[in-house]
Amino acid sequence: MTCVLTSSLGCATVQHVTSNGITMTVGAMPVPGITPSGNVHVCAGDSVLLTASGGSSYTWSTGGSGATIYAGQSASYSVTATSSLGCSAGLAGGVNVSVSSPAVPTITQSGFTLTSTPAAHYQWVFNNTPMPADTMQSVLASANGNYVVIVSDVDGCFTTSAAYSVTGVGIQDVNDMQSIRLYPVPSHGSFAIEVADYSNATLTIYDIYGKEVYRRDISVAHTEVSDADLSPALYFVQVQSGSSRYLVKMQVLK
């Protein structure tokens, strides 16, 4: 680029003078972008790596600089890209990152049934050992000890309850034998049950891990059970009538 100067005097020997040339470079405006390393919904304590592109240097909405940042808070993250020529442009919209963690669950007890507050998924733990197949909201406490439930949401984020101590299982079993009678003992999968309190009652059978394997309503004092399809093992038979619950052990042999 040059500049031409023209004299306003008519008597000037040289009417026009041209300056030296200057080379100018016009750079394109940067087009910033953000690429997350994975899912932008993360669990509490985790983060997702955000990588900026489209410039030579970057300033993030968090105040950070550099091409990458770790996002571990729920927020909308945007970036301003600056080119090597000093041209700057901001990203419209940005990337929304959300962080979640299920509420810490609590355990309540009714009889010897333990129930967690609602969640998407459950895993029960007894004395620091996961209870196989116990992925329901409620579980039968079949032994004395500490029970914990680990809950997770639909995105797989999890949290753990405080330990819940259960006592008196053996004592209750002896007491409830006065209200429930099973025979034969041991059985071969089919058995009869007699209950003293059968008004609007429900019969439920649990395996040793507290998983429900059979349920039916009973309305008479004497009930024959032949369709439970029980494998050889130790089971717990519970009868609930109103607010009353009775629980006894049953051994099945084949």
C-alpha atoms as a PDB file:
ATOM      1  CA  MET A   1       0.000   0.000   0.000  1.00  0.00           C
ATOM      2  CA  THR A   2       1.303   3.497  -0.944  1.00  0.00           C
ATOM      3  CA  CYS A   3       0.188   7.103  -0.431  1.00  0.00           C
ATOM      4  CA  VAL A   4       0.212   9.733  -3.253  1.00  0.00           C
ATOM      5  CA  LEU A   5       0.650  13.379  -2.201  1.00  0.00           C
ATOM      6  CA  THR A   6      -0.520  16.127  -4.591  1.00  0.00           C
ATOM      7  CA  SER A   7       0.712  19.713  -4.186  1.00  0.00           C
ATOM      8  CA  SER A   8      -1.855  22.505  -3.981  1.00  0.00           C
ATOM      9  CA  LEU A   9       0.581  24.961  -5.603  1.00  0.00           C
ATOM     10  CA  GLY A  10       0.370  25.332  -9.349  1.00  0.00           C
ATOM     11  CA  CYS A  11       4.015  26.394  -9.595  1.00  0.00           C
ATOM     12  CA  ALA A  12       5.347  23.230  -7.988  1.00  0.00           C
ATOM     13  CA  THR A  13       7.982  21.479 -10.076  1.00  0.00           C
ATOM     14  CA  VAL A  14       6.622  18.086  -9.039  1.00  0.00           C
ATOM     15  CA  GLN A  15       2.903  17.950  -8.632  1.00  0.00           C
ATOM     16  CA  HIS A  16       2.653  14.361  -7.331  1.00  0.00           C
ATOM     17  CA  VAL A  17       4.873  12.432  -4.912  1.00  0.00           C
ATOM     18  CA  THR A  18       4.389   8.750  -4.048  1.00  0.00           C
ATOM     19  CA  SER A  19       5.386   7.381  -0.623  1.00  0.00           C
ATOM     20  CA  ASN A  20       7.220   4.184   0.056  1.00  0.00           C
ATOM     21  CA  GLY A  21       5.044   1.028   0.014  1.00  0.00           C
ATOM     22  CA  ILE A  22       3.762  -0.770   3.130  1.00  0.00           C
ATOM     23  CA  THR A  23       2.630  -4.380   2.949  1.00  0.00           C
ATOM     24  CA  MET A  24      -0.523  -5.091   4.999  1.00  0.00           C
ATOM     25  CA  THR A  25      -1.847  -8.540   5.854  1.00  0.00           C
ATOM     26  CA  VAL A  26      -5.581  -8.909   6.489  1.00  0.00           C
ATOM     27  CA  GLY A  27      -6.296 -11.999   8.527  1.00  0.00           C
ATOM     28  CA  ALA A  28      -9.553 -13.863   8.794  1.00  0.00           C
ATOM     29  CA  MET A  29     -11.478 -13.676  12.060  1.00  0.00           C
ATOM     30  CA  PRO A  30     -11.031 -16.842  14.157  1.00  0.00           C
ATOM     31  CA  VAL A  31     -13.934 -19.283  14.406  1.00  0.00           C
ATOM     32  CA  PRO A  32     -13.732 -20.764  17.934  1.00  0.00           C
ATOM     33  CA  GLY A  33     -15.031 -24.204  18.846  1.00  0.00           C
ATOM     34  CA  ILE A  34     -15.076 -26.492  21.889  1.00  0.00           C
ATOM     35  CA  THR A  35     -14.785 -30.282  21.810  1.00  0.00           C
ATOM     36  CA  PRO A  36     -15.564 -32.280  25.006  1.00  0.00           C
ATOM     37  CA  SER A  37     -13.582 -35.462  25.664  1.00  0.00           C
ATOM     38  CA  GLY A  38     -16.716 -37.382  26.616  1.00  0.00           C
ATOM     39  CA  ASN A  39     -20.169 -37.099  28.126  1.00  0.00           C
ATOM     40  CA  VAL A  40     -20.891 -33.555  29.331  1.00  0.00           C
ATOM     41  CA  HIS A  41     -23.071 -35.027  32.124  1.00  0.00           C
ATOM     42  CA  VAL A  42     -20.601 -36.124  34.805  1.00  0.00           C
ATOM     43  CA  CYS A  43     -20.833 -37.427  38.343  1.00  0.00           C
ATOM     44  CA  ALA A  44     -19.835 -35.327  41.320  1.00  0.00           C
ATOM     45  CA  GLY A  45     -16.073 -35.496  41.744  1.00  0.00           C
ATOM     46  CA  ASP A  46     -15.481 -36.200  38.043  1.00  0.00           C
ATOM     47  CA  SER A  47     -14.783 -33.770  35.202  1.00  0.00           C
ATOM     48  CA  VAL A  48     -14.758 -33.613  31.409  1.00  0.00           C
ATOM     49  CA  LEU A  49     -11.855 -32.215  29.369  1.00  0.00           C
ATOM     50  CA  LEU A  50     -12.856 -29.339  27.061  1.00  0.00           C
ATOM     51  CA  THR A  51     -10.537 -28.538  24.135  1.00  0.00           C
ATOM     52  CA  ALA A  52     -10.771 -25.219  22.263  1.00  0.00           C
ATOM     53  CA  SER A  53      -9.944 -24.789  18.590  1.00  0.00           C
ATOM     54  CA  GLY A  54      -9.905 -22.080  15.919  1.00  0.00           C
ATOM     55  CA  GLY A  55      -7.261 -19.729  17.343  1.00  0.00           C
ATOM     56  CA  SER A  56      -3.699 -19.388  18.560  1.00  0.00           C
ATOM     57  CA  SER A  57      -4.578 -18.476  22.144  1.00  0.00           C
ATOM     58  CA  TYR A  58      -7.726 -18.772  24.223  1.00  0.00           C
ATOM     59  CA  THR A  59      -9.515 -17.180  27.164  1.00  0.00           C
ATOM     60  CA  TRP A  60     -12.251 -19.199  28.853  1.00  0.00           C
ATOM     61  CA  SER A  61     -15.398 -17.926  30.512  1.00  0.00           C
ATOM     62  CA  THR A  62     -13.994 -19.287  33.783  1.00  0.00           C
ATOM     63  CA  GLY A  63     -11.062 -16.885  33.494  1.00  0.00           C
ATOM     64  CA  GLY A  64      -8.651 -19.643  32.554  1.00  0.00           C
ATOM     65  CA  SER A  65      -6.405 -19.651  29.504  1.00  0.00           C
ATOM     66  CA  GLY A  66      -4.879 -22.295  27.270  1.00  0.00           C
ATOM     67  CA  ALA A  67      -6.359 -24.694  24.771  1.00  0.00           C
ATOM     68  CA  THR A  68      -7.855 -27.082  27.376  1.00  0.00           C
ATOM     69  CA  ILE A  69      -9.618 -26.935  30.731  1.00  0.00           C
ATOM     70  CA  TYR A  70     -11.252 -29.534  32.979  1.00  0.00           C
ATOM     71  CA  ALA A  71     -14.921 -28.814  33.672  1.00  0.00           C
ATOM     72  CA  GLY A  72     -16.211 -30.275  36.933  1.00  0.00           C
ATOM     73  CA  GLN A  73     -18.984 -27.842  37.826  1.00  0.00           C
ATOM     74  CA  SER A  74     -22.460 -27.416  36.363  1.00  0.00           C
ATOM     75  CA  ALA A  75     -22.134 -24.393  34.051  1.00  0.00           C
ATOM     76  CA  SER A  76     -22.082 -23.184  30.465  1.00  0.00           C
ATOM     77  CA  TYR A  77     -18.475 -23.000  29.284  1.00  0.00           C
ATOM     78  CA  SER A  78     -17.519 -20.655  26.442  1.00  0.00           C
ATOM     79  CA  VAL A  79     -14.207 -19.473  25.011  1.00  0.00           C
ATOM     80  CA  THR A  80     -12.755 -16.495  23.134  1.00  0.00           C
ATOM     81  CA  ALA A  81     -10.197 -17.420  20.478  1.00  0.00           C
ATOM     82  CA  THR A  82      -7.466 -15.015  19.382  1.00  0.00           C
ATOM     83  CA  SER A  83      -5.551 -15.447  16.120  1.00  0.00           C
ATOM     84  CA  SER A  84      -1.820 -14.930  15.611  1.00  0.00           C
ATOM     85  CA  LEU A  85      -2.660 -11.485  14.173  1.00  0.00           C
ATOM     86  CA  GLY A  86      -4.524 -10.469  17.327  1.00  0.00           C
ATOM     87  CA  CYS A  87      -8.048 -10.876  15.977  1.00  0.00           C
ATOM     88  CA  SER A  88     -10.482 -12.188  18.605  1.00  0.00           C
ATOM     89  CA  ALA A  89     -13.909 -13.791  18.433  1.00  0.00           C
ATOM     90  CA  GLY A  90     -16.097 -15.387  21.102  1.00  0.00           C
ATOM     91  CA  LEU A  91     -17.986 -18.664  20.814  1.00  0.00           C
ATOM     92  CA  ALA A  92     -21.733 -18.201  20.711  1.00  0.00           C
ATOM     93  CA  GLY A  93     -23.592 -20.512  23.092  1.00  0.00           C
ATOM     94  CA  GLY A  94     -20.750 -22.554  24.547  1.00  0.00           C
ATOM     95  CA  VAL A  95     -20.927 -26.072  26.006  1.00  0.00           C
ATOM     96  CA  ASN A  96     -23.263 -26.917  28.898  1.00  0.00           C
ATOM     97  CA  VAL A  97     -21.794 -29.273  31.501  1.00  0.00           C
ATOM     98  CA  SER A  98     -24.032 -30.739  34.219  1.00  0.00           C
ATOM     99  CA  VAL A  99     -22.844 -32.502  37.366  1.00  0.00           C
ATOM    100  CA  SER A 100     -25.122 -34.772  39.381  1.00  0.00           C
ATOM    101  CA  SER A 101     -25.041 -37.006  42.417  1.00  0.00           C
ATOM    102  CA  PRO A 102     -27.987 -38.942  43.869  1.00  0.00           C
ATOM    103  CA  ALA A 103     -29.121 -37.860  47.308  1.00  0.00           C
ATOM    104  CA  VAL A 104     -27.607 -39.926  50.109  1.00  0.00           C
ATOM    105  CA  PRO A 105     -30.101 -42.766  50.654  1.00  0.00           C
ATOM    106  CA  THR A 106     -31.604 -43.660  53.992  1.00  0.00           C
ATOM    107  CA  ILE A 107     -32.701 -47.122  55.103  1.00  0.00           C
ATOM    108  CA  THR A 108     -35.914 -47.841  56.988  1.00  0.00           C
ATOM    109  CA  GLN A 109     -36.926 -51.116  58.584  1.00  0.00           C
ATOM    110  CA  SER A 110     -40.298 -52.825  58.793  1.00  0.00           C
ATOM    111  CA  GLY A 111     -40.102 -56.216  60.451  1.00  0.00           C
ATOM    112  CA  PHE A 112     -36.901 -57.503  58.868  1.00  0.00           C
ATOM    113  CA  THR A 113     -37.500 -55.875  55.499  1.00  0.00           C
ATOM    114  CA  LEU A 114     -35.095 -53.021  54.772  1.00  0.00           C
ATOM    115  CA  THR A 115     -36.152 -50.356  52.281  1.00  0.00           C
ATOM    116  CA  SER A 116     -34.069 -47.659  50.628  1.00  0.00           C
ATOM    117  CA  THR A 117     -35.311 -44.236  49.626  1.00  0.00           C
ATOM    118  CA  PRO A 118     -36.164 -44.242  45.876  1.00  0.00           C
ATOM    119  CA  ALA A 119     -33.426 -44.297  43.231  1.00  0.00           C
ATOM    120  CA  ALA A 120     -32.906 -45.649  39.719  1.00  0.00           C
ATOM    121  CA  HIS A 121     -30.725 -48.606  40.785  1.00  0.00           C
ATOM    122  CA  TYR A 122     -29.750 -50.318  44.039  1.00  0.00           C
ATOM    123  CA  GLN A 123     -26.972 -52.568  45.316  1.00  0.00           C
ATOM    124  CA  TRP A 124     -27.180 -53.884  48.856  1.00  0.00           C
ATOM    125  CA  VAL A 125     -24.097 -54.702  50.902  1.00  0.00           C
ATOM    126  CA  PHE A 126     -24.010 -56.870  54.024  1.00  0.00           C
ATOM    127  CA  ASN A 127     -20.982 -56.592  56.345  1.00  0.00           C
ATOM    128  CA  ASN A 128     -18.904 -55.001  53.523  1.00  0.00           C
ATOM    129  CA  THR A 129     -19.773 -57.790  51.051  1.00  0.00           C
ATOM    130  CA  PRO A 130     -22.123 -57.109  48.096  1.00  0.00           C
ATOM    131  CA  MET A 131     -25.273 -59.197  48.312  1.00  0.00           C
ATOM    132  CA  PRO A 132     -25.654 -61.080  44.989  1.00  0.00           C
ATOM    133  CA  ALA A 133     -28.740 -60.199  42.956  1.00  0.00           C
ATOM    134  CA  ASP A 134     -29.972 -57.705  45.545  1.00  0.00           C
ATOM    135  CA  THR A 135     -30.763 -54.825  43.212  1.00  0.00           C
ATOM    136  CA  MET A 136     -34.263 -53.998  44.446  1.00  0.00           C
ATOM    137  CA  GLN A 137     -35.435 -51.135  46.633  1.00  0.00           C
ATOM    138  CA  SER A 138     -36.247 -53.523  49.495  1.00  0.00           C
ATOM    139  CA  VAL A 139     -34.335 -56.491  50.856  1.00  0.00           C
ATOM    140  CA  LEU A 140     -34.942 -59.014  53.610  1.00  0.00           C
ATOM    141  CA  ALA A 141     -32.402 -58.845  56.433  1.00  0.00           C
ATOM    142  CA  SER A 142     -31.760 -62.560  56.890  1.00  0.00           C
ATOM    143  CA  ALA A 143     -28.898 -62.209  59.384  1.00  0.00           C
ATOM    144  CA  ASN A 144     -27.727 -59.834  62.078  1.00  0.00           C
ATOM    145  CA  GLY A 145     -25.137 -57.287  60.951  1.00  0.00           C
ATOM    146  CA  ASN A 146     -24.612 -54.029  59.094  1.00  0.00           C
ATOM    147  CA  TYR A 147     -26.494 -53.314  55.872  1.00  0.00           C
ATOM    148  CA  VAL A 148     -25.606 -50.583  53.379  1.00  0.00           C
ATOM    149  CA  VAL A 149     -27.306 -49.625  50.127  1.00  0.00           C
ATOM    150  CA  ILE A 150     -25.495 -48.051  47.181  1.00  0.00           C
ATOM    151  CA  VAL A 151     -27.871 -46.164  44.876  1.00  0.00           C
ATOM    152  CA  SER A 152     -27.229 -44.805  41.403  1.00  0.00           C
ATOM    153  CA  ASP A 153     -29.118 -42.588  38.973  1.00  0.00           C
ATOM    154  CA  VAL A 154     -29.865 -43.156  35.284  1.00  0.00           C
ATOM    155  CA  ASP A 155     -26.423 -41.772  34.360  1.00  0.00           C
ATOM    156  CA  GLY A 156     -24.574 -44.182  36.639  1.00  0.00           C
ATOM    157  CA  CYS A 157     -23.688 -41.651  39.340  1.00  0.00           C
ATOM    158  CA  PHE A 158     -23.833 -43.318  42.757  1.00  0.00           C
ATOM    159  CA  THR A 159     -23.761 -42.595  46.459  1.00  0.00           C
ATOM    160  CA  THR A 160     -23.784 -44.758  49.576  1.00  0.00           C
ATOM    161  CA  SER A 161     -25.987 -44.817  52.654  1.00  0.00           C
ATOM    162  CA  ALA A 162     -24.812 -44.957  56.220  1.00  0.00           C
ATOM    163  CA  ALA A 163     -24.567 -48.451  57.690  1.00  0.00           C
ATOM    164  CA  TYR A 164     -27.808 -49.770  59.177  1.00  0.00           C
ATOM    165  CA  SER A 165     -27.452 -52.299  62.002  1.00  0.00           C
ATOM    166  CA  VAL A 166     -29.903 -55.193  62.228  1.00  0.00           C
ATOM    167  CA  THR A 167     -30.215 -57.290  65.389  1.00  0.00           C
ATOM    168  CA  GLY A 168     -32.610 -59.861  66.755  1.00  0.00           C
ATOM    169  CA  VAL A 169     -33.028 -61.991  63.615  1.00  0.00           C
ATOM    170  CA  GLY A 170     -32.574 -65.295  65.459  1.00  0.00           C
ATOM    171  CA  ILE A 171     -34.763 -64.230  68.374  1.00  0.00           C
ATOM    172  CA  GLN A 172     -37.538 -63.115  66.050  1.00  0.00           C
ATOM    173  CA  ASP A 173     -37.364 -66.431  64.194  1.00  0.00           C
ATOM    174  CA  VAL A 174     -38.032 -68.341  67.417  1.00  0.00           C
ATOM    175  CA  ASN A 175     -40.906 -66.061  68.382  1.00  0.00           C
ATOM    176  CA  ASP A 176     -42.530 -66.218  64.963  1.00  0.00           C
ATOM    177  CA  MET A 177     -42.522 -70.019  64.983  1.00  0.00           C
ATOM    178  CA  GLN A 178     -45.437 -69.652  67.394  1.00  0.00           C
ATOM    179  CA  SER A 179     -47.472 -67.958  64.621  1.00  0.00           C
ATOM    180  CA  ILE A 180     -46.257 -69.946  61.593  1.00  0.00           C
ATOM    181  CA  ARG A 181     -45.960 -73.711  61.184  1.00  0.00           C
ATOM    182  CA  LEU A 182     -44.224 -75.240  58.155  1.00  0.00           C
ATOM    183  CA  TYR A 183     -44.110 -78.937  57.287  1.00  0.00           C
ATOM    184  CA  PRO A 184     -42.463 -81.111  56.266  1.00  0.00           C
ATOM    185  CA  VAL A 185     -39.141 -79.792  57.597  1.00  0.00           C
ATOM    186  CA  PRO A 186     -36.946 -80.020  55.660  1.00  0.00           C
ATOM    187  CA  SER A 187     -39.069 -79.973  52.521  1.00  0.00           C
ATOM    188  CA  HIS A 188     -38.414 -81.013  48.923  1.00  0.00           C
ATOM    189  CA  GLY A 189     -39.794 -77.840  47.384  1.00  0.00           C
ATOM    190  CA  SER A 190     -43.465 -78.415  48.186  1.00  0.00           C
ATOM    191  CA  PHE A 191     -44.728 -77.690  51.677  1.00  0.00           C
ATOM    192  CA  ALA A 192     -47.748 -76.706  53.720  1.00  0.00           C
ATOM    193  CA  ILE A 193     -47.996 -73.641  55.912  1.00  0.00           C
ATOM    194  CA  GLU A 194     -50.364 -72.930  58.759  1.00  0.00           C
ATOM    195  CA  VAL A 195     -50.677 -69.399  60.089  1.00  0.00           C
ATOM    196  CA  ALA A 196     -52.608 -68.029  63.024  1.00  0.00           C
ATOM    197  CA  ASP A 197     -53.095 -64.584  61.449  1.00  0.00           C
ATOM    198  CA  TYR A 198     -54.212 -65.011  57.818  1.00  0.00           C
ATOM    199  CA  SER A 199     -56.556 -62.055  57.312  1.00  0.00           C
ATOM    200  CA  ASN A 200     -55.544 -60.449  53.972  1.00  0.00           C
ATOM    201  CA  ALA A 201     -52.129 -62.062  54.368  1.00  0.00           C
ATOM    202  CA  THR A 202     -49.259 -62.317  51.874  1.00  0.00           C
ATOM    203  CA  LEU A 203     -46.768 -65.180  51.778  1.00  0.00           C
ATOM    204  CA  THR A 204     -43.301 -64.270  50.507  1.00  0.00           C
ATOM    205  CA  ILE A 205     -40.226 -66.498  50.179  1.00  0.00           C
ATOM    206  CA  TYR A 206     -36.693 -65.039  50.129  1.00  0.00           C
ATOM    207  CA  ASP A 207     -33.364 -66.692  49.420  1.00  0.00           C
ATOM    208  CA  ILE A 208     -30.411 -66.307  51.783  1.00  0.00           C
ATOM    209  CA  TYR A 209     -29.384 -63.086  50.006  1.00  0.00           C
ATOM    210  CA  GLY A 210     -32.737 -61.466  50.710  1.00  0.00           C
ATOM    211  CA  LYS A 211     -33.986 -61.730  47.120  1.00  0.00           C
ATOM    212  CA  GLU A 212     -37.698 -62.406  46.733  1.00  0.00           C
ATOM    213  CA  VAL A 213     -38.261 -65.701  44.868  1.00  0.00           C
ATOM    214  CA  TYR A 214     -41.973 -66.377  45.463  1.00  0.00           C
ATOM    215  CA  ARG A 215     -45.091 -64.479  46.513  1.00  0.00           C
ATOM    216  CA  ARG A 216     -48.783 -65.258  46.863  1.00  0.00           C
ATOM    217  CA  ASP A 217     -51.803 -64.103  48.822  1.00  0.00           C
ATOM    218  CA  ILE A 218     -53.274 -66.425  51.415  1.00  0.00           C
ATOM    219  CA  SER A 219     -56.725 -66.233  52.980  1.00  0.00           C
ATOM    220  CA  VAL A 220     -57.010 -69.472  54.945  1.00  0.00           C
ATOM    221  CA  ALA A 221     -55.190 -70.913  57.940  1.00  0.00           C
ATOM    222  CA  HIS A 222     -53.813 -73.899  55.972  1.00  0.00           C
ATOM    223  CA  THR A 223     -52.144 -73.363  52.569  1.00  0.00           C
ATOM    224  CA  GLU A 224     -50.419 -75.884  50.287  1.00  0.00           C
ATOM    225  CA  VAL A 225     -47.467 -74.496  48.285  1.00  0.00           C
ATOM    226  CA  SER A 226     -46.344 -76.660  45.344  1.00  0.00           C
ATOM    227  CA  ASP A 227     -45.553 -74.104  42.617  1.00  0.00           C
ATOM    228  CA  ALA A 228     -42.631 -72.248  44.181  1.00  0.00           C
ATOM    229  CA  ASP A 229     -39.976 -74.165  42.146  1.00  0.00           C
ATOM    230  CA  LEU A 230     -37.346 -73.890  44.874  1.00  0.00           C
ATOM    231  CA  SER A 231     -33.822 -75.226  44.410  1.00  0.00           C
ATOM    232  CA  PRO A 232     -32.052 -76.937  47.313  1.00  0.00           C
ATOM    233  CA  ALA A 233     -31.036 -74.150  49.710  1.00  0.00           C
ATOM    234  CA  LEU A 234     -31.989 -72.286  52.850  1.00  0.00           C
ATOM    235  CA  TYR A 235     -34.935 -69.904  52.488  1.00  0.00           C
ATOM    236  CA  PHE A 236     -36.857 -67.447  54.635  1.00  0.00           C
ATOM    237  CA  VAL A 237     -40.647 -67.600  54.646  1.00  0.00           C
ATOM    238  CA  GLN A 238     -42.468 -64.421  55.607  1.00  0.00           C
ATOM    239  CA  VAL A 239     -46.161 -63.921  56.225  1.00  0.00           C
ATOM    240  CA  GLN A 240     -47.475 -60.374  56.445  1.00  0.00           C
ATOM    241  CA  SER A 241     -50.960 -59.658  57.687  1.00  0.00           C
ATOM    242  CA  GLY A 242     -51.701 -55.971  58.024  1.00  0.00           C
ATOM    243  CA  SER A 243     -48.891 -54.446  60.065  1.00  0.00           C
ATOM    244  CA  SER A 244     -47.826 -57.845  61.459  1.00  0.00           C
ATOM    245  CA  ARG A 245     -44.887 -59.738  59.908  1.00  0.00           C
ATOM    246  CA  TYR A 246     -43.748 -63.263  60.751  1.00  0.00           C
ATOM    247  CA  LEU A 247     -40.531 -64.830  59.501  1.00  0.00           C
ATOM    248  CA  VAL A 248     -39.141 -68.374  59.759  1.00  0.00           C
ATOM    249  CA  LYS A 249     -36.380 -70.338  58.039  1.00  0.00           C
ATOM    250  CA  MET A 250     -37.040 -73.266  55.695  1.00  0.00           C
ATOM    251  CA  GLN A 251     -34.520 -75.792  54.342  1.00  0.00           C
ATOM    252  CA  VAL A 252     -35.245 -77.318  50.911  1.00  0.00           C
ATOM    253  CA  LEU A 253     -33.643 -80.621  49.919  1.00  0.00           C
ATOM    254  CA  LYS A 254     -33.877 -82.454  46.589  1.00  0.00           C
END
